Amino acid sequence: MKIAIIGPGYGHNIKPYLMFFNDWQKDQVDFYYHHKDSFSDEYTNISFLPIPNKLLHLFLNAKKYDVVWLMGGGRLLYVIAFMSFFMKKNSKLVIFPYGERLPRETNKKTIKGWFLRKVLSCFTCIHCGWYGIADLLHPKLKSKILIQVMGINKDFYKVSTNPHKEICKLLEIINENEYNFYYPKSFLKVSRHDLVIEAVKILKENGEELPPFKVYFLGGNEQDNQRYEELQRLISTYNLCSDIIFLQKTIFFKTEDLNLIWGKMNCGLQIAQHDGLSTTIFEPLVNEKELLISDIPPYRYLDDYFGIEFNLTPLTAQEIAREMKNKILNINTRSKEEKQKIKVAIKEKYSFESNIEKLLLRFEKGI
C-alpha cells in the first residue's frame, strides 16, 4: 500500500502516526504537512511535503495512494473529500478528528451539520481516540462509515533518561513530601479547572486537619487566554496561590519527559465536562498512580472495555473535594498489584500499534 498522511507538522496528535509509519516497512508513506515542521529530521523513512506548495502534487498523484489519512480536519476536510473523486475505487479515506468540535458540529440539525455529514460520508473510516467520539458520530454515520478506536502508543511506557532542561526546571518545583494532584489539561471551558479550584477551597475551609497537599496545573496544546486569566483570578481571590501551582511550559514535551513529572505525583485529575477520551486518563494509570475522574458518558465505557471498575465522581466541587480528601487520607485507594493489573490491561487492549495494524490489514483485504 501507498499511504498519504495530511496534517500539522507538529504536536502530540500526529507524532504516534509518524512513529508508526516511520517503522512501517511495507509501504511508501508521504506526509503532506502544514505549519511548522518539527519531525522531518527524526522520521527519515517518511517523505515530508509542505502544504500548500505540494497540494497540487497530492491531487495529481491521488490515484497512486491506497490510503489517504487526514489528521484533524479544518478546511482540508472538504479538500480531501473532494479528492475522493480522483482516487482509485478501492482507495480508502481516513480521518482522525482532533477533539470533539467536528463531531459535535456534524451532529447538529443545521445546514452546516447536514453538509458535514455528507462530507464525512465520503470517508471510509473515522479513527478516533475513544467511544465518546464514536457515540457522537454513530447516530448519523453508523451505516455508512467504519468507526475505529485508536489506542495509546508505546511512548507512554517510556521514561526519559535525557530530559529537556525545561522539564528539569519544572521537576525542581514539585515537592514530593506533600500529596500531589496533577491536572494536565488545556485551559478550555470543557476542562473544569474551576471545579478543582472550588474543591481545594472547600478542603481548605472545612477546618479539618489534612496532610499537606498541592494541585499542579499543566496546560495542553490549546489555550483560551481569557479562560486562563479567569482561573488565575479565581485562585487569587480564594487565596490559593500556594496550594494550586501552574507549571509553565513554552515547548511541546515528549511523553517520556512528562512521565518524569508523573513520577513525582500521587494522583491524576481528569475533571472534564466533555471528552472523547484524553490520553491524560492513561498517563497516571500507566505510571501506576491514583486517578480521580469525572462521571461523564465517555468514561462509563472504561469498566466494560478494560474489565476494571473505575470510580466516577459527580461533576460538582463538593464531590470532587470529597474524593480528593479520600485520596489524601488513602481511603479506597488501589493496591500496587491492582495498579499493575490496570497497566497490563491498557497495554494489551488499548495499543495504538496493534489497533492500527488491524485497520491496515482490513484495508489490505478490502474489508
Protein backbone atom coordinates (compact mmCIF):
# COMPACT_ATOMS: atom_id res chain seq x y z
CA MET A 1 0.00 0.00 0.00
CA LYS A 2 0.99 3.58 -0.65
CA ILE A 3 -0.14 5.96 2.08
CA ALA A 4 -0.54 9.74 2.26
CA ILE A 5 -0.83 11.43 5.65
CA ILE A 6 -2.10 15.02 5.80
CA GLY A 7 -1.89 17.18 8.90
CA PRO A 8 0.12 19.59 11.05
CA GLY A 9 3.88 19.06 11.17
CA TYR A 10 3.97 19.37 14.96
CA GLY A 11 2.18 18.24 18.14
CA HIS A 12 1.38 15.13 20.14
CA ASN A 13 -1.57 14.00 17.97
CA ILE A 14 0.45 13.50 14.79
CA LYS A 15 3.53 12.01 16.45
CA PRO A 16 2.24 8.44 17.09
CA TYR A 17 1.31 8.10 13.42
CA LEU A 18 4.73 9.30 12.25
CA MET A 19 6.45 6.97 14.70
CA PHE A 20 4.41 4.03 13.47
CA PHE A 21 4.74 4.68 9.75
CA ASN A 22 8.44 5.53 10.01
CA ASP A 23 8.98 1.93 11.17
CA TRP A 24 6.41 0.51 8.74
CA GLN A 25 8.49 -1.42 6.23
CA LYS A 26 5.74 -2.45 3.82
CA ASP A 27 4.76 0.84 2.27
CA GLN A 28 5.76 4.18 0.88
CA VAL A 29 4.47 6.95 3.17
CA ASP A 30 4.22 10.62 2.16
CA PHE A 31 3.40 13.24 4.79
CA TYR A 32 1.79 16.42 3.45
CA TYR A 33 2.20 18.81 6.37
CA HIS A 34 1.14 22.37 7.12
CA HIS A 35 2.54 24.99 9.50
CA LYS A 36 5.91 24.23 11.05
CA ASP A 37 7.97 21.06 10.58
CA SER A 38 9.00 19.50 13.92
CA PHE A 39 9.65 15.94 12.81
CA SER A 40 11.38 15.54 9.41
CA ASP A 41 14.85 15.21 10.96
CA GLU A 42 13.59 12.46 13.26
CA TYR A 43 11.48 10.37 10.87
CA THR A 44 13.66 9.91 7.81
CA ASN A 45 11.71 6.99 6.28
CA ILE A 46 8.78 9.31 5.53
CA SER A 47 8.71 11.86 2.68
CA PHE A 48 7.81 15.31 4.07
CA LEU A 49 5.93 17.50 1.56
CA PRO A 50 4.82 21.01 2.64
CA ILE A 51 1.29 22.29 2.05
CA PRO A 52 0.21 24.40 0.20
CA ASN A 53 3.27 24.00 -2.07
CA LYS A 54 2.55 20.32 -2.66
CA LEU A 55 -1.26 20.31 -2.58
CA LEU A 56 -1.45 20.17 -6.38
CA HIS A 57 1.10 17.34 -6.26
CA LEU A 58 -1.27 15.46 -3.93
CA PHE A 59 -4.18 15.83 -6.35
CA LEU A 60 -2.14 14.86 -9.42
CA ASN A 61 -0.87 11.75 -7.62
CA ALA A 62 -4.16 10.83 -5.94
CA LYS A 63 -4.51 7.58 -7.87
CA LYS A 64 -1.24 6.19 -6.59
CA TYR A 65 -2.38 6.24 -2.94
CA ASP A 66 -4.24 3.31 -1.41
CA VAL A 67 -4.90 5.19 1.84
CA VAL A 68 -5.19 8.94 2.48
CA TRP A 69 -5.18 9.79 6.21
CA LEU A 70 -6.34 13.23 7.33
CA MET A 71 -5.36 14.48 10.80
CA GLY A 72 -7.63 17.00 12.47
CA GLY A 73 -9.85 18.27 9.71
CA GLY A 74 -10.27 22.02 9.32
CA ARG A 75 -10.73 23.32 5.78
CA LEU A 76 -8.70 20.39 4.44
CA LEU A 77 -11.65 18.16 5.33
CA TYR A 78 -13.52 19.47 2.28
CA VAL A 79 -10.45 19.28 0.04
CA ILE A 80 -9.77 15.65 0.88
CA ALA A 81 -13.43 14.66 0.50
CA PHE A 82 -13.40 16.24 -2.99
CA MET A 83 -10.15 14.40 -3.73
CA SER A 84 -12.00 11.08 -3.35
CA PHE A 85 -13.33 11.59 -6.89
CA PHE A 86 -9.76 11.39 -8.23
CA MET A 87 -8.66 8.30 -6.32
CA LYS A 88 -8.86 4.65 -7.23
CA LYS A 89 -12.19 2.99 -6.44
CA ASN A 90 -10.65 0.74 -3.78
CA SER A 91 -8.69 3.54 -2.11
CA LYS A 92 -9.51 4.41 1.49
CA LEU A 93 -10.06 7.81 3.08
CA VAL A 94 -9.46 8.00 6.83
CA ILE A 95 -9.87 10.93 9.22
CA PHE A 96 -8.67 11.34 12.80
CA PRO A 97 -10.71 14.32 14.14
CA TYR A 98 -8.79 16.05 16.91
CA GLY A 99 -11.18 16.58 19.82
CA GLU A 100 -14.95 16.89 19.75
CA ARG A 101 -15.56 20.08 17.79
CA LEU A 102 -16.02 18.44 14.38
CA PRO A 103 -18.16 15.50 15.61
CA ARG A 104 -20.43 17.86 17.56
CA GLU A 105 -20.85 20.15 14.55
CA THR A 106 -21.66 17.09 12.44
CA ASN A 107 -24.48 16.07 14.77
CA LYS A 108 -26.22 19.47 14.76
CA LYS A 109 -29.54 19.93 12.97
CA THR A 110 -28.18 22.77 10.86
CA ILE A 111 -27.23 23.28 7.22
CA LYS A 112 -23.57 23.03 8.23
CA GLY A 113 -24.25 19.81 10.17
CA TRP A 114 -26.05 18.31 7.16
CA PHE A 115 -23.18 19.34 4.87
CA LEU A 116 -20.55 17.87 7.24
CA ARG A 117 -22.42 14.57 7.33
CA LYS A 118 -22.33 14.49 3.54
CA VAL A 119 -18.60 15.27 3.57
CA LEU A 120 -17.76 12.67 6.23
CA SER A 121 -19.75 10.02 4.35
CA CYS A 122 -17.01 10.24 1.69
CA PHE A 123 -14.55 8.77 4.19
CA THR A 124 -14.03 5.05 4.70
CA CYS A 125 -13.09 5.27 8.37
CA ILE A 126 -13.09 7.67 11.29
CA HIS A 127 -10.12 6.86 13.51
CA CYS A 128 -10.95 8.31 16.92
CA GLY A 129 -9.50 8.29 20.39
CA TRP A 130 -12.40 6.69 22.17
CA TYR A 131 -16.06 5.74 22.10
CA GLY A 132 -17.04 9.24 23.21
CA ILE A 133 -16.30 10.48 19.68
CA ALA A 134 -17.80 7.34 18.16
CA ASP A 135 -21.04 7.94 20.08
CA LEU A 136 -21.30 11.46 18.69
CA LEU A 137 -20.96 10.16 15.14
CA HIS A 138 -22.81 6.83 15.25
CA PRO A 139 -26.38 8.17 15.12
CA LYS A 140 -25.86 9.76 11.69
CA LEU A 141 -22.99 7.80 10.15
CA LYS A 142 -23.01 4.28 11.56
CA SER A 143 -24.43 2.68 8.43
CA LYS A 144 -22.02 4.46 6.10
CA ILE A 145 -18.65 4.56 7.78
CA LEU A 146 -16.28 2.46 9.90
CA ILE A 147 -15.51 4.00 13.30
CA GLN A 148 -12.28 2.65 14.79
CA VAL A 149 -10.95 3.32 18.30
CA MET A 150 -7.28 4.23 18.30
CA GLY A 151 -5.29 3.44 21.49
CA ILE A 152 -2.10 4.80 23.04
CA ASN A 153 1.36 4.24 21.62
CA LYS A 154 4.47 2.69 23.15
CA ASP A 155 5.92 6.07 24.16
CA PHE A 156 3.51 6.11 27.10
CA TYR A 157 5.57 3.44 28.83
CA LYS A 158 8.93 5.19 28.46
CA VAL A 159 10.68 7.46 30.96
CA SER A 160 13.24 9.95 29.65
CA THR A 161 16.89 9.45 30.56
CA ASN A 162 17.88 12.75 28.95
CA PRO A 163 15.03 15.17 29.71
CA HIS A 164 14.68 18.63 28.26
CA LYS A 165 16.08 21.35 30.52
CA GLU A 166 12.62 22.93 30.81
CA ILE A 167 11.27 19.69 32.30
CA CYS A 168 14.17 19.65 34.76
CA LYS A 169 13.17 23.13 35.97
CA LEU A 170 9.57 22.01 36.48
CA LEU A 171 10.69 18.93 38.43
CA GLU A 172 12.50 21.19 40.89
CA ILE A 173 9.23 23.00 41.66
CA ILE A 174 7.37 19.85 42.74
CA ASN A 175 7.56 18.97 46.45
CA GLU A 176 7.49 15.20 46.88
CA ASN A 177 6.93 15.48 50.63
CA GLU A 178 3.32 16.52 50.02
CA TYR A 179 0.38 14.73 48.40
CA ASN A 180 0.41 15.94 44.80
CA PHE A 181 -2.55 16.11 42.42
CA TYR A 182 -1.76 16.67 38.74
CA TYR A 183 -4.18 18.13 36.20
CA PRO A 184 -2.51 18.35 32.74
CA LYS A 185 -5.35 19.69 30.60
CA SER A 186 -5.73 22.55 28.14
CA PHE A 187 -7.15 25.72 29.67
CA LEU A 188 -10.54 25.49 27.96
CA LYS A 189 -14.07 25.68 29.37
CA VAL A 190 -14.68 21.94 28.90
CA SER A 191 -11.74 21.25 31.23
CA ARG A 192 -13.16 22.06 34.64
CA HIS A 193 -10.19 23.61 36.37
CA ASP A 194 -12.71 25.87 38.08
CA LEU A 195 -14.33 22.93 39.89
CA VAL A 196 -10.90 21.73 41.05
CA ILE A 197 -10.17 25.22 42.41
CA GLU A 198 -13.55 25.27 44.19
CA ALA A 199 -12.82 21.81 45.62
CA VAL A 200 -9.46 22.95 47.03
CA LYS A 201 -11.23 25.97 48.58
CA ILE A 202 -13.70 23.61 50.28
CA LEU A 203 -10.90 21.44 51.66
CA LYS A 204 -9.04 24.48 52.99
CA GLU A 205 -12.14 25.96 54.63
CA ASN A 206 -13.69 22.89 56.27
CA GLY A 207 -11.41 23.19 59.31
CA GLU A 208 -10.29 19.54 59.23
CA GLU A 209 -6.57 18.95 59.55
CA LEU A 210 -5.31 17.20 56.40
CA PRO A 211 -1.78 16.19 55.45
CA PRO A 212 -0.19 18.87 53.21
CA PHE A 213 -1.18 18.67 49.55
CA LYS A 214 -0.88 20.65 46.34
CA VAL A 215 -2.53 20.71 42.93
CA TYR A 216 -0.42 21.24 39.82
CA PHE A 217 -1.87 22.51 36.54
CA LEU A 218 -0.03 22.00 33.25
CA GLY A 219 -1.66 23.36 30.10
CA GLY A 220 -2.09 21.27 26.97
CA ASN A 221 -1.54 22.29 23.35
CA GLU A 222 -4.60 24.56 23.22
CA GLN A 223 -5.26 27.57 25.42
CA ASP A 224 -8.08 30.04 25.85
CA ASN A 225 -6.21 33.04 27.28
CA GLN A 226 -9.37 34.55 28.73
CA ARG A 227 -10.14 31.26 30.49
CA TYR A 228 -6.55 31.07 31.77
CA GLU A 229 -6.77 34.56 33.25
CA GLU A 230 -10.15 33.77 34.84
CA LEU A 231 -8.65 30.75 36.60
CA GLN A 232 -5.69 32.75 37.87
CA ARG A 233 -8.05 35.41 39.24
CA LEU A 234 -10.18 32.77 40.95
CA ILE A 235 -7.13 31.25 42.63
CA SER A 236 -6.01 34.67 43.79
CA THR A 237 -9.50 35.58 45.07
CA TYR A 238 -9.60 32.39 47.16
CA ASN A 239 -6.03 32.93 48.37
CA LEU A 240 -4.91 29.56 46.99
CA CYS A 241 -1.74 30.68 45.18
CA SER A 242 0.44 28.48 47.40
CA ASP A 243 -1.92 25.49 47.02
CA ILE A 244 -2.50 25.43 43.25
CA ILE A 245 0.64 25.73 41.13
CA PHE A 246 0.79 26.47 37.40
CA LEU A 247 3.66 24.57 35.76
CA GLN A 248 4.60 26.90 32.91
CA LYS A 249 5.87 25.47 29.61
CA THR A 250 6.83 27.03 26.31
CA ILE A 251 7.53 23.94 24.18
CA PHE A 252 5.93 20.64 23.20
CA PHE A 253 7.04 17.98 25.71
CA LYS A 254 7.60 14.37 24.75
CA THR A 255 5.57 11.78 26.66
CA GLU A 256 8.71 10.25 28.17
CA ASP A 257 9.60 13.68 29.58
CA LEU A 258 6.10 14.13 31.01
CA ASN A 259 6.39 10.73 32.70
CA LEU A 260 9.13 12.23 34.87
CA ILE A 261 6.54 14.67 36.21
CA TRP A 262 4.11 11.83 36.84
CA GLY A 263 6.83 10.13 38.84
CA LYS A 264 6.53 12.93 41.41
CA MET A 265 2.73 12.91 41.55
CA ASN A 266 0.32 10.85 43.62
CA CYS A 267 -2.97 11.29 41.77
CA GLY A 268 -4.13 12.42 38.34
CA LEU A 269 -7.21 14.62 37.92
CA GLN A 270 -9.43 14.13 34.87
CA ILE A 271 -12.27 16.54 35.53
CA ALA A 272 -13.92 17.24 32.18
CA GLN A 273 -17.34 18.46 31.07
CA HIS A 274 -16.96 16.67 27.72
CA ASP A 275 -14.17 14.49 26.40
CA GLY A 276 -13.59 12.00 23.60
CA LEU A 277 -11.13 10.27 25.91
CA SER A 278 -7.94 12.12 26.64
CA THR A 279 -4.56 10.47 26.92
CA THR A 280 -4.34 12.24 30.29
CA ILE A 281 -6.58 9.47 31.63
CA PHE A 282 -3.96 6.87 30.76
CA GLU A 283 -0.82 8.75 31.80
CA PRO A 284 -1.43 8.30 35.57
CA LEU A 285 -2.60 4.72 35.09
CA VAL A 286 0.46 3.55 33.14
CA ASN A 287 2.59 5.30 35.77
CA GLU A 288 0.67 3.35 38.46
CA LYS A 289 -0.80 6.43 40.13
CA GLU A 290 -4.25 7.13 41.54
CA LEU A 291 -6.88 8.72 39.30
CA LEU A 292 -9.84 10.94 40.13
CA ILE A 293 -12.19 11.05 37.15
CA SER A 294 -15.48 12.81 36.45
CA ASP A 295 -18.71 10.98 35.72
CA ILE A 296 -19.48 11.71 32.06
CA PRO A 297 -20.77 9.31 29.35
CA PRO A 298 -17.47 8.54 27.51
CA TYR A 299 -15.78 7.46 30.74
CA ARG A 300 -18.54 4.97 31.51
CA TYR A 301 -17.10 2.70 28.81
CA LEU A 302 -13.90 2.21 30.80
CA ASP A 303 -15.30 -0.52 33.07
CA ASP A 304 -16.56 -2.67 30.19
CA TYR A 305 -13.55 -2.10 27.95
CA PHE A 306 -10.86 -2.94 30.49
CA GLY A 307 -12.79 -5.15 32.89
CA ILE A 308 -11.76 -2.91 35.78
CA GLU A 309 -14.05 -0.82 37.97
CA PHE A 310 -13.41 2.91 37.69
CA ASN A 311 -14.96 5.07 40.39
CA LEU A 312 -16.51 8.00 38.55
CA THR A 313 -17.03 11.22 40.52
CA PRO A 314 -20.07 13.50 40.00
CA LEU A 315 -19.15 16.79 38.38
CA THR A 316 -19.56 19.03 41.44
CA ALA A 317 -16.98 20.80 43.59
CA GLN A 318 -18.33 19.11 46.75
CA GLU A 319 -17.96 15.58 45.35
CA ILE A 320 -14.54 16.33 43.89
CA ALA A 321 -13.42 17.71 47.28
CA ARG A 322 -14.70 14.57 49.00
CA GLU A 323 -12.78 12.30 46.62
CA MET A 324 -9.63 14.43 46.90
CA LYS A 325 -9.84 14.12 50.69
CA ASN A 326 -10.18 10.33 50.38
CA LYS A 327 -7.10 10.19 48.17
CA ILE A 328 -5.06 12.31 50.58
CA LEU A 329 -6.13 10.07 53.51
CA ASN A 330 -5.50 6.90 51.48
CA ILE A 331 -9.17 5.83 51.65
CA ASN A 332 -10.45 3.48 48.91
CA THR A 333 -7.16 3.64 47.01
CA ARG A 334 -5.84 0.80 44.87
CA SER A 335 -3.11 -1.60 45.89
CA LYS A 336 0.16 -1.79 43.98
CA GLU A 337 -0.99 -5.10 42.48
CA GLU A 338 -4.25 -3.56 41.25
CA LYS A 339 -2.39 -0.67 39.63
CA GLN A 340 -0.07 -3.09 37.85
CA LYS A 341 -3.07 -5.07 36.63
CA ILE A 342 -4.61 -1.89 35.13
CA LYS A 343 -1.34 -1.04 33.39
CA VAL A 344 -1.16 -4.51 31.83
CA ALA A 345 -4.81 -4.33 30.70
CA ILE A 346 -4.22 -0.98 28.98
CA LYS A 347 -1.07 -2.26 27.30
CA GLU A 348 -2.86 -5.33 25.97
CA LYS A 349 -6.24 -3.91 24.99
CA TYR A 350 -5.61 -0.29 24.08
CA SER A 351 -2.48 -0.39 21.95
CA PHE A 352 -2.20 2.16 19.14
CA GLU A 353 0.23 -0.02 17.21
CA SER A 354 -1.88 -3.20 17.26
CA ASN A 355 -5.13 -1.32 16.54
CA ILE A 356 -3.68 0.50 13.55
CA GLU A 357 -2.15 -2.73 12.23
CA LYS A 358 -5.58 -4.38 12.39
CA LEU A 359 -7.09 -1.46 10.49
CA LEU A 360 -4.44 -1.59 7.76
CA LEU A 361 -4.92 -5.35 7.48
CA ARG A 362 -8.63 -4.77 6.88
CA PHE A 363 -7.75 -2.31 4.13
CA GLU A 364 -5.33 -4.78 2.54
CA LYS A 365 -8.06 -7.43 2.48
CA GLY A 366 -10.54 -4.94 1.04
CA ILE A 367 -12.86 -5.08 4.04
